[in-house]
Amino acid sequence: MERDLRESPLYREVEDHFRRVYEPGFGKVTEPSDPRPSPDGRWVAFTGSLWEKLEGTPKTRICLAPLGRAYLDLVTRMTAWFERFMPARQ
C-alpha cells in the first residue's frame, strides 16, 4: 500500500512554496508569452495562463492588450481574434 505524502512536513513545505508563488495570480492572467502586435500597432495579442487553483494545470487564453494601457481583454471566441488581427480579404 502506497503512503499518502500529502500530510508529510516536506509535502506541506513544497505546497506552501508553490502557493506563495502562484496564489497571488489566481483568477488573473499570468505568464504572458508569444506576443504579437496588431497590424495597426495599437494592440498586442499574447498567450496567458489563467490559474484558478494550485492543483492541475492553468487554462491557456489568448489575450489582447492595448499598447500603453494597463488592462487587457480575454478572447473567448476566435471570431473576435480574427476581426481585430486579420486584414479584410478583398
PDB file of N, CA and C in Angstrom:
ATOM      1  N   MET A   1       0.833  -1.172   0.000  1.00  0.00           N
ATOM      2  CA  MET A   1       0.000   0.000   0.000  1.00  0.00           C
ATOM      3  C   MET A   1       0.889   1.251   0.000  1.00  0.00           C
ATOM      4  N   GLU A   2       0.596   2.212  -0.901  1.00  0.00           N
ATOM      5  CA  GLU A   2       1.384   3.429  -1.003  1.00  0.00           C
ATOM      6  C   GLU A   2       1.011   4.416   0.097  1.00  0.00           C
ATOM      7  N   ARG A   3       2.004   5.083   0.606  1.00  0.00           N
ATOM      8  CA  ARG A   3       1.791   6.061   1.663  1.00  0.00           C
ATOM      9  C   ARG A   3       1.367   7.403   1.059  1.00  0.00           C
ATOM     10  N   ASP A   4       0.386   8.050   1.660  1.00  0.00           N
ATOM     11  CA  ASP A   4      -0.078   9.361   1.206  1.00  0.00           C
ATOM     12  C   ASP A   4       0.879  10.429   1.741  1.00  0.00           C
ATOM     13  N   LEU A   5       1.604  11.063   0.854  1.00  0.00           N
ATOM     14  CA  LEU A   5       2.623  12.034   1.253  1.00  0.00           C
ATOM     15  C   LEU A   5       2.057  13.428   1.522  1.00  0.00           C
ATOM     16  N   ARG A   6       0.783  13.647   1.226  1.00  0.00           N
ATOM     17  CA  ARG A   6       0.215  14.988   1.368  1.00  0.00           C
ATOM     18  C   ARG A   6       0.183  15.500   2.801  1.00  0.00           C
ATOM     19  N   GLU A   7       0.321  14.620   3.767  1.00  0.00           N
ATOM     20  CA  GLU A   7       0.339  15.044   5.171  1.00  0.00           C
ATOM     21  C   GLU A   7       1.750  15.156   5.736  1.00  0.00           C
ATOM     22  N   SER A   8       2.749  14.907   4.924  1.00  0.00           N
ATOM     23  CA  SER A   8       4.129  14.969   5.422  1.00  0.00           C
ATOM     24  C   SER A   8       4.594  16.428   5.497  1.00  0.00           C
ATOM     25  N   PRO A   9       5.510  16.720   6.404  1.00  0.00           N
ATOM     26  CA  PRO A   9       6.034  18.086   6.516  1.00  0.00           C
ATOM     27  C   PRO A   9       6.687  18.588   5.225  1.00  0.00           C
ATOM     28  N   LEU A  10       7.415  17.722   4.531  1.00  0.00           N
ATOM     29  CA  LEU A  10       8.066  18.133   3.291  1.00  0.00           C
ATOM     30  C   LEU A  10       7.036  18.504   2.227  1.00  0.00           C
ATOM     31  N   TYR A  11       5.988  17.693   2.089  1.00  0.00           N
ATOM     32  CA  TYR A  11       4.937  17.993   1.114  1.00  0.00           C
ATOM     33  C   TYR A  11       4.314  19.350   1.426  1.00  0.00           C
ATOM     34  N   ARG A  12       3.994  19.593   2.696  1.00  0.00           N
ATOM     35  CA  ARG A  12       3.378  20.868   3.082  1.00  0.00           C
ATOM     36  C   ARG A  12       4.316  22.041   2.810  1.00  0.00           C
ATOM     37  N   GLU A  13       5.607  21.833   3.028  1.00  0.00           N
ATOM     38  CA  GLU A  13       6.584  22.894   2.756  1.00  0.00           C
ATOM     39  C   GLU A  13       6.614  23.235   1.264  1.00  0.00           C
ATOM     40  N   VAL A  14       6.631  22.214   0.430  1.00  0.00           N
ATOM     41  CA  VAL A  14       6.635  22.426  -1.022  1.00  0.00           C
ATOM     42  C   VAL A  14       5.318  23.062  -1.461  1.00  0.00           C
ATOM     43  N   GLU A  15       4.207  22.566  -0.941  1.00  0.00           N
ATOM     44  CA  GLU A  15       2.901  23.134  -1.282  1.00  0.00           C
ATOM     45  C   GLU A  15       2.821  24.603  -0.872  1.00  0.00           C
ATOM     46  N   ASP A  16       3.311  24.947   0.302  1.00  0.00           N
ATOM     47  CA  ASP A  16       3.317  26.341   0.756  1.00  0.00           C
ATOM     48  C   ASP A  16       4.143  27.223  -0.176  1.00  0.00           C
ATOM     49  N   HIS A  17       5.280  26.694  -0.622  1.00  0.00           N
ATOM     50  CA  HIS A  17       6.122  27.449  -1.557  1.00  0.00           C
ATOM     51  C   HIS A  17       5.349  27.758  -2.839  1.00  0.00           C
ATOM     52  N   PHE A  18       4.760  26.737  -3.452  1.00  0.00           N
ATOM     53  CA  PHE A  18       4.033  26.949  -4.703  1.00  0.00           C
ATOM     54  C   PHE A  18       2.795  27.813  -4.493  1.00  0.00           C
ATOM     55  N   ARG A  19       2.163  27.700  -3.367  1.00  0.00           N
ATOM     56  CA  ARG A  19       1.006  28.542  -3.067  1.00  0.00           C
ATOM     57  C   ARG A  19       1.431  30.018  -2.994  1.00  0.00           C
ATOM     58  N   ARG A  20       2.558  30.304  -2.353  1.00  0.00           N
ATOM     59  CA  ARG A  20       3.057  31.688  -2.284  1.00  0.00           C
ATOM     60  C   ARG A  20       3.409  32.226  -3.675  1.00  0.00           C
ATOM     61  N   VAL A  21       3.916  31.355  -4.532  1.00  0.00           N
ATOM     62  CA  VAL A  21       4.298  31.776  -5.878  1.00  0.00           C
ATOM     63  C   VAL A  21       3.071  32.016  -6.756  1.00  0.00           C
ATOM     64  N   TYR A  22       2.116  31.079  -6.778  1.00  0.00           N
ATOM     65  CA  TYR A  22       1.013  31.126  -7.738  1.00  0.00           C
ATOM     66  C   TYR A  22      -0.279  31.737  -7.215  1.00  0.00           C
ATOM     67  N   GLU A  23      -0.544  31.660  -5.923  1.00  0.00           N
ATOM     68  CA  GLU A  23      -1.842  32.107  -5.410  1.00  0.00           C
ATOM     69  C   GLU A  23      -2.139  33.585  -5.675  1.00  0.00           C
ATOM     70  N   PRO A  24      -1.165  34.493  -5.616  1.00  0.00           N
ATOM     71  CA  PRO A  24      -1.493  35.890  -5.930  1.00  0.00           C
ATOM     72  C   PRO A  24      -2.056  36.073  -7.344  1.00  0.00           C
ATOM     73  N   GLY A  25      -1.766  35.151  -8.245  1.00  0.00           N
ATOM     74  CA  GLY A  25      -2.257  35.242  -9.616  1.00  0.00           C
ATOM     75  C   GLY A  25      -3.535  34.475  -9.878  1.00  0.00           C
ATOM     76  N   PHE A  26      -4.098  33.799  -8.881  1.00  0.00           N
ATOM     77  CA  PHE A  26      -5.328  33.033  -9.102  1.00  0.00           C
ATOM     78  C   PHE A  26      -6.416  33.962  -9.650  1.00  0.00           C
ATOM     79  N   GLY A  27      -7.045  33.541 -10.742  1.00  0.00           N
ATOM     80  CA  GLY A  27      -8.114  34.319 -11.353  1.00  0.00           C
ATOM     81  C   GLY A  27      -7.629  35.461 -12.230  1.00  0.00           C
ATOM     82  N   LYS A  28      -6.322  35.591 -12.391  1.00  0.00           N
ATOM     83  CA  LYS A  28      -5.744  36.654 -13.217  1.00  0.00           C
ATOM     84  C   LYS A  28      -4.870  36.022 -14.293  1.00  0.00           C
ATOM     85  N   VAL A  29      -4.667  36.749 -15.367  1.00  0.00           N
ATOM     86  CA  VAL A  29      -3.783  36.268 -16.425  1.00  0.00           C
ATOM     87  C   VAL A  29      -2.338  36.441 -15.966  1.00  0.00           C
ATOM     88  N   THR A  30      -1.573  35.357 -16.051  1.00  0.00           N
ATOM     89  CA  THR A  30      -0.162  35.374 -15.677  1.00  0.00           C
ATOM     90  C   THR A  30       0.644  34.693 -16.778  1.00  0.00           C
ATOM     91  N   GLU A  31       1.930  34.712 -16.655  1.00  0.00           N
ATOM     92  CA  GLU A  31       2.841  34.015 -17.564  1.00  0.00           C
ATOM     93  C   GLU A  31       2.600  34.368 -19.034  1.00  0.00           C
ATOM     94  N   PRO A  32       2.625  35.664 -19.386  1.00  0.00           N
ATOM     95  CA  PRO A  32       2.405  36.023 -20.788  1.00  0.00           C
ATOM     96  C   PRO A  32       3.529  35.485 -21.673  1.00  0.00           C
ATOM     97  N   SER A  33       3.146  35.065 -22.880  1.00  0.00           N
ATOM     98  CA  SER A  33       4.141  34.568 -23.832  1.00  0.00           C
ATOM     99  C   SER A  33       3.651  34.788 -25.253  1.00  0.00           C
ATOM    100  N   ASP A  34       4.521  34.629 -26.208  1.00  0.00           N
ATOM    101  CA  ASP A  34       4.227  34.733 -27.641  1.00  0.00           C
ATOM    102  C   ASP A  34       3.534  36.039 -28.027  1.00  0.00           C
ATOM    103  N   PRO A  35       4.073  37.207 -27.671  1.00  0.00           N
ATOM    104  CA  PRO A  35       3.409  38.468 -28.024  1.00  0.00           C
ATOM    105  C   PRO A  35       3.403  38.705 -29.533  1.00  0.00           C
ATOM    106  N   ARG A  36       2.284  39.229 -30.030  1.00  0.00           N
ATOM    107  CA  ARG A  36       2.133  39.554 -31.447  1.00  0.00           C
ATOM    108  C   ARG A  36       1.418  40.904 -31.555  1.00  0.00           C
ATOM    109  N   PRO A  37       2.008  41.875 -32.256  1.00  0.00           N
ATOM    110  CA  PRO A  37       1.338  43.165 -32.423  1.00  0.00           C
ATOM    111  C   PRO A  37       0.240  43.080 -33.481  1.00  0.00           C
ATOM    112  N   SER A  38      -0.767  43.935 -33.342  1.00  0.00           N
ATOM    113  CA  SER A  38      -1.811  44.019 -34.362  1.00  0.00           C
ATOM    114  C   SER A  38      -1.239  44.756 -35.573  1.00  0.00           C
ATOM    115  N   PRO A  39      -1.862  44.593 -36.745  1.00  0.00           N
ATOM    116  CA  PRO A  39      -1.348  45.269 -37.939  1.00  0.00           C
ATOM    117  C   PRO A  39      -1.271  46.791 -37.785  1.00  0.00           C
ATOM    118  N   ASP A  40      -2.191  47.387 -37.016  1.00  0.00           N
ATOM    119  CA  ASP A  40      -2.166  48.842 -36.842  1.00  0.00           C
ATOM    120  C   ASP A  40      -1.258  49.286 -35.693  1.00  0.00           C
ATOM    121  N   GLY A  41      -0.669  48.346 -34.963  1.00  0.00           N
ATOM    122  CA  GLY A  41       0.264  48.666 -33.898  1.00  0.00           C
ATOM    123  C   GLY A  41      -0.355  49.175 -32.613  1.00  0.00           C
ATOM    124  N   ARG A  42      -1.685  49.125 -32.501  1.00  0.00           N
ATOM    125  CA  ARG A  42      -2.340  49.642 -31.293  1.00  0.00           C
ATOM    126  C   ARG A  42      -2.564  48.575 -30.232  1.00  0.00           C
ATOM    127  N   TRP A  43      -2.504  47.314 -30.598  1.00  0.00           N
ATOM    128  CA  TRP A  43      -2.789  46.212 -29.678  1.00  0.00           C
ATOM    129  C   TRP A  43      -1.655  45.204 -29.713  1.00  0.00           C
ATOM    130  N   VAL A  44      -1.550  44.436 -28.666  1.00  0.00           N
ATOM    131  CA  VAL A  44      -0.658  43.284 -28.676  1.00  0.00           C
ATOM    132  C   VAL A  44      -1.473  42.086 -28.193  1.00  0.00           C
ATOM    133  N   ALA A  45      -1.361  40.998 -28.909  1.00  0.00           N
ATOM    134  CA  ALA A  45      -2.017  39.750 -28.513  1.00  0.00           C
ATOM    135  C   ALA A  45      -0.944  38.848 -27.922  1.00  0.00           C
ATOM    136  N   PHE A  46      -1.321  38.069 -26.940  1.00  0.00           N
ATOM    137  CA  PHE A  46      -0.371  37.144 -26.338  1.00  0.00           C
ATOM    138  C   PHE A  46      -1.122  35.982 -25.716  1.00  0.00           C
ATOM    139  N   THR A  47      -0.395  34.928 -25.435  1.00  0.00           N
ATOM    140  CA  THR A  47      -0.949  33.778 -24.738  1.00  0.00           C
ATOM    141  C   THR A  47      -0.691  33.970 -23.253  1.00  0.00           C
ATOM    142  N   GLY A  48      -1.717  33.763 -22.446  1.00  0.00           N
ATOM    143  CA  GLY A  48      -1.562  33.901 -20.998  1.00  0.00           C
ATOM    144  C   GLY A  48      -2.115  32.687 -20.275  1.00  0.00           C
ATOM    145  N   SER A  49      -1.614  32.452 -19.091  1.00  0.00           N
ATOM    146  CA  SER A  49      -2.098  31.355 -18.246  1.00  0.00           C
ATOM    147  C   SER A  49      -3.090  31.907 -17.238  1.00  0.00           C
ATOM    148  N   LEU A  50      -4.129  31.141 -16.966  1.00  0.00           N
ATOM    149  CA  LEU A  50      -5.145  31.537 -16.003  1.00  0.00           C
ATOM    150  C   LEU A  50      -5.253  30.438 -14.951  1.00  0.00           C
ATOM    151  N   TRP A  51      -4.609  30.672 -13.805  1.00  0.00           N
ATOM    152  CA  TRP A  51      -4.647  29.716 -12.695  1.00  0.00           C
ATOM    153  C   TRP A  51      -5.884  29.983 -11.855  1.00  0.00           C
ATOM    154  N   GLU A  52      -6.619  28.946 -11.509  1.00  0.00           N
ATOM    155  CA  GLU A  52      -7.753  29.094 -10.601  1.00  0.00           C
ATOM    156  C   GLU A  52      -7.545  28.313  -9.314  1.00  0.00           C
ATOM    157  N   LYS A  53      -6.639  27.340  -9.361  1.00  0.00           N
ATOM    158  CA  LYS A  53      -6.307  26.555  -8.172  1.00  0.00           C
ATOM    159  C   LYS A  53      -4.918  25.978  -8.370  1.00  0.00           C
ATOM    160  N   LEU A  54      -4.335  25.520  -7.294  1.00  0.00           N
ATOM    161  CA  LEU A  54      -2.969  25.012  -7.357  1.00  0.00           C
ATOM    162  C   LEU A  54      -2.897  23.648  -8.040  1.00  0.00           C
ATOM    163  N   GLU A  55      -3.931  22.856  -7.910  1.00  0.00           N
ATOM    164  CA  GLU A  55      -3.931  21.515  -8.491  1.00  0.00           C
ATOM    165  C   GLU A  55      -4.129  21.603 -10.001  1.00  0.00           C
ATOM    166  N   GLY A  56      -3.514  20.684 -10.711  1.00  0.00           N
ATOM    167  CA  GLY A  56      -3.700  20.604 -12.151  1.00  0.00           C
ATOM    168  C   GLY A  56      -2.854  21.616 -12.899  1.00  0.00           C
ATOM    169  N   THR A  57      -3.357  22.028 -14.047  1.00  0.00           N
ATOM    170  CA  THR A  57      -2.646  22.976 -14.898  1.00  0.00           C
ATOM    171  C   THR A  57      -3.522  24.202 -15.132  1.00  0.00           C
ATOM    172  N   PRO A  58      -2.909  25.324 -15.511  1.00  0.00           N
ATOM    173  CA  PRO A  58      -3.713  26.514 -15.772  1.00  0.00           C
ATOM    174  C   PRO A  58      -4.429  26.399 -17.109  1.00  0.00           C
ATOM    175  N   LYS A  59      -5.489  27.189 -17.258  1.00  0.00           N
ATOM    176  CA  LYS A  59      -6.134  27.332 -18.560  1.00  0.00           C
ATOM    177  C   LYS A  59      -5.257  28.273 -19.375  1.00  0.00           C
ATOM    178  N   THR A  60      -5.227  28.069 -20.674  1.00  0.00           N
ATOM    179  CA  THR A  60      -4.478  28.944 -21.562  1.00  0.00           C
ATOM    180  C   THR A  60      -5.472  29.792 -22.337  1.00  0.00           C
ATOM    181  N   ARG A  61      -5.214  31.089 -22.400  1.00  0.00           N
ATOM    182  CA  ARG A  61      -6.119  32.017 -23.070  1.00  0.00           C
ATOM    183  C   ARG A  61      -5.335  32.928 -24.007  1.00  0.00           C
ATOM    184  N   ILE A  62      -5.991  33.359 -25.070  1.00  0.00           N
ATOM    185  CA  ILE A  62      -5.453  34.404 -25.923  1.00  0.00           C
ATOM    186  C   ILE A  62      -5.919  35.720 -25.312  1.00  0.00           C
ATOM    187  N   CYS A  63      -5.003  36.655 -25.164  1.00  0.00           N
ATOM    188  CA  CYS A  63      -5.311  37.933 -24.523  1.00  0.00           C
ATOM    189  C   CYS A  63      -4.973  39.076 -25.470  1.00  0.00           C
ATOM    190  N   LEU A  64      -5.723  40.155 -25.370  1.00  0.00           N
ATOM    191  CA  LEU A  64      -5.466  41.367 -26.132  1.00  0.00           C
ATOM    192  C   LEU A  64      -5.245  42.513 -25.160  1.00  0.00           C
ATOM    193  N   ALA A  65      -4.201  43.277 -25.368  1.00  0.00           N
ATOM    194  CA  ALA A  65      -3.927  44.434 -24.519  1.00  0.00           C
ATOM    195  C   ALA A  65      -3.604  45.628 -25.410  1.00  0.00           C
ATOM    196  N   PRO A  66      -4.269  46.757 -25.170  1.00  0.00           N
ATOM    197  CA  PRO A  66      -3.908  47.952 -25.930  1.00  0.00           C
ATOM    198  C   PRO A  66      -2.540  48.450 -25.474  1.00  0.00           C
ATOM    199  N   LEU A  67      -1.700  48.826 -26.412  1.00  0.00           N
ATOM    200  CA  LEU A  67      -0.367  49.306 -26.052  1.00  0.00           C
ATOM    201  C   LEU A  67      -0.487  50.616 -25.279  1.00  0.00           C
ATOM    202  N   GLY A  68       0.267  50.724 -24.198  1.00  0.00           N
ATOM    203  CA  GLY A  68       0.258  51.928 -23.387  1.00  0.00           C
ATOM    204  C   GLY A  68      -0.860  51.994 -22.367  1.00  0.00           C
ATOM    205  N   ARG A  69      -1.647  50.943 -22.251  1.00  0.00           N
ATOM    206  CA  ARG A  69      -2.736  50.923 -21.274  1.00  0.00           C
ATOM    207  C   ARG A  69      -2.525  49.768 -20.314  1.00  0.00           C
ATOM    208  N   ALA A  70      -3.201  49.803 -19.179  1.00  0.00           N
ATOM    209  CA  ALA A  70      -2.980  48.792 -18.133  1.00  0.00           C
ATOM    210  C   ALA A  70      -4.156  47.837 -17.984  1.00  0.00           C
ATOM    211  N   TYR A  71      -4.811  47.472 -19.061  1.00  0.00           N
ATOM    212  CA  TYR A  71      -5.873  46.478 -18.984  1.00  0.00           C
ATOM    213  C   TYR A  71      -5.759  45.544 -20.180  1.00  0.00           C
ATOM    214  N   LEU A  72      -6.502  44.449 -20.125  1.00  0.00           N
ATOM    215  CA  LEU A  72      -6.490  43.511 -21.244  1.00  0.00           C
ATOM    216  C   LEU A  72      -7.852  42.864 -21.386  1.00  0.00           C
ATOM    217  N   ASP A  73      -8.088  42.278 -22.549  1.00  0.00           N
ATOM    218  CA  ASP A  73      -9.297  41.515 -22.840  1.00  0.00           C
ATOM    219  C   ASP A  73      -8.907  40.064 -23.047  1.00  0.00           C
ATOM    220  N   LEU A  74      -9.722  39.154 -22.519  1.00  0.00           N
ATOM    221  CA  LEU A  74      -9.548  37.739 -22.832  1.00  0.00           C
ATOM    222  C   LEU A  74     -10.375  37.444 -24.062  1.00  0.00           C
ATOM    223  N   VAL A  75      -9.793  36.772 -25.026  1.00  0.00           N
ATOM    224  CA  VAL A  75     -10.526  36.404 -26.229  1.00  0.00           C
ATOM    225  C   VAL A  75     -11.214  35.083 -25.951  1.00  0.00           C
ATOM    226  N   THR A  76     -12.530  35.101 -25.978  1.00  0.00           N
ATOM    227  CA  THR A  76     -13.279  33.884 -25.688  1.00  0.00           C
ATOM    228  C   THR A  76     -13.791  33.222 -26.953  1.00  0.00           C
ATOM    229  N   ARG A  77     -13.828  33.985 -28.052  1.00  0.00           N
ATOM    230  CA  ARG A  77     -14.259  33.420 -29.323  1.00  0.00           C
ATOM    231  C   ARG A  77     -13.204  33.764 -30.375  1.00  0.00           C
ATOM    232  N   MET A  78     -12.897  32.831 -31.202  1.00  0.00           N
ATOM    233  CA  MET A  78     -11.883  33.077 -32.223  1.00  0.00           C
ATOM    234  C   MET A  78     -12.324  34.165 -33.195  1.00  0.00           C
ATOM    235  N   THR A  79     -13.646  34.370 -33.388  1.00  0.00           N
ATOM    236  CA  THR A  79     -14.074  35.420 -34.311  1.00  0.00           C
ATOM    237  C   THR A  79     -13.586  36.781 -33.843  1.00  0.00           C
ATOM    238  N   ALA A  80     -13.568  37.022 -32.537  1.00  0.00           N
ATOM    239  CA  ALA A  80     -13.067  38.302 -32.025  1.00  0.00           C
ATOM    240  C   ALA A  80     -11.595  38.475 -32.391  1.00  0.00           C
ATOM    241  N   TRP A  81     -10.856  37.403 -32.296  1.00  0.00           N
ATOM    242  CA  TRP A  81      -9.430  37.432 -32.653  1.00  0.00           C
ATOM    243  C   TRP A  81      -9.258  37.792 -34.122  1.00  0.00           C
ATOM    244  N   PHE A  82      -9.981  37.096 -35.001  1.00  0.00           N
ATOM    245  CA  PHE A  82      -9.824  37.324 -36.428  1.00  0.00           C
ATOM    246  C   PHE A  82     -10.290  38.712 -36.833  1.00  0.00           C
ATOM    247  N   GLU A  83     -11.367  39.211 -36.227  1.00  0.00           N
ATOM    248  CA  GLU A  83     -11.859  40.538 -36.584  1.00  0.00           C
ATOM    249  C   GLU A  83     -10.816  41.614 -36.314  1.00  0.00           C
ATOM    250  N   ARG A  84     -10.030  41.471 -35.257  1.00  0.00           N
ATOM    251  CA  ARG A  84      -9.054  42.502 -34.903  1.00  0.00           C
ATOM    252  C   ARG A  84      -7.698  42.310 -35.567  1.00  0.00           C
ATOM    253  N   PHE A  85      -7.325  41.092 -35.836  1.00  0.00           N
ATOM    254  CA  PHE A  85      -5.950  40.843 -36.261  1.00  0.00           C
ATOM    255  C   PHE A  85      -5.797  40.371 -37.696  1.00  0.00           C
ATOM    256  N   MET A  86      -6.862  39.997 -38.345  1.00  0.00           N
ATOM    257  CA  MET A  86      -6.733  39.538 -39.721  1.00  0.00           C
ATOM    258  C   MET A  86      -7.280  40.618 -40.647  1.00  0.00           C
ATOM    259  N   PRO A  87      -6.493  41.058 -41.607  1.00  0.00           N
ATOM    260  CA  PRO A  87      -6.994  42.077 -42.527  1.00  0.00           C
ATOM    261  C   PRO A  87      -8.154  41.531 -43.354  1.00  0.00           C
ATOM    262  N   ALA A  88      -9.062  42.417 -43.722  1.00  0.00           N
ATOM    263  CA  ALA A  88     -10.214  42.008 -44.535  1.00  0.00           C
ATOM    264  C   ALA A  88      -9.719  41.512 -45.887  1.00  0.00           C
ATOM    265  N   ARG A  89     -10.277  40.409 -46.327  1.00  0.00           N
ATOM    266  CA  ARG A  89      -9.897  39.859 -47.641  1.00  0.00           C
ATOM    267  C   ARG A  89     -10.735  40.520 -48.716  1.00  0.00           C
ATOM    268  N   GLN A  90     -10.089  40.845 -49.813  1.00  0.00           N
ATOM    269  CA  GLN A  90     -10.807  41.509 -50.903  1.00  0.00           C
ATOM    270  C   GLN A  90     -10.856  40.626 -52.108  1.00  0.00           C
TER     271      GLN A  90
END
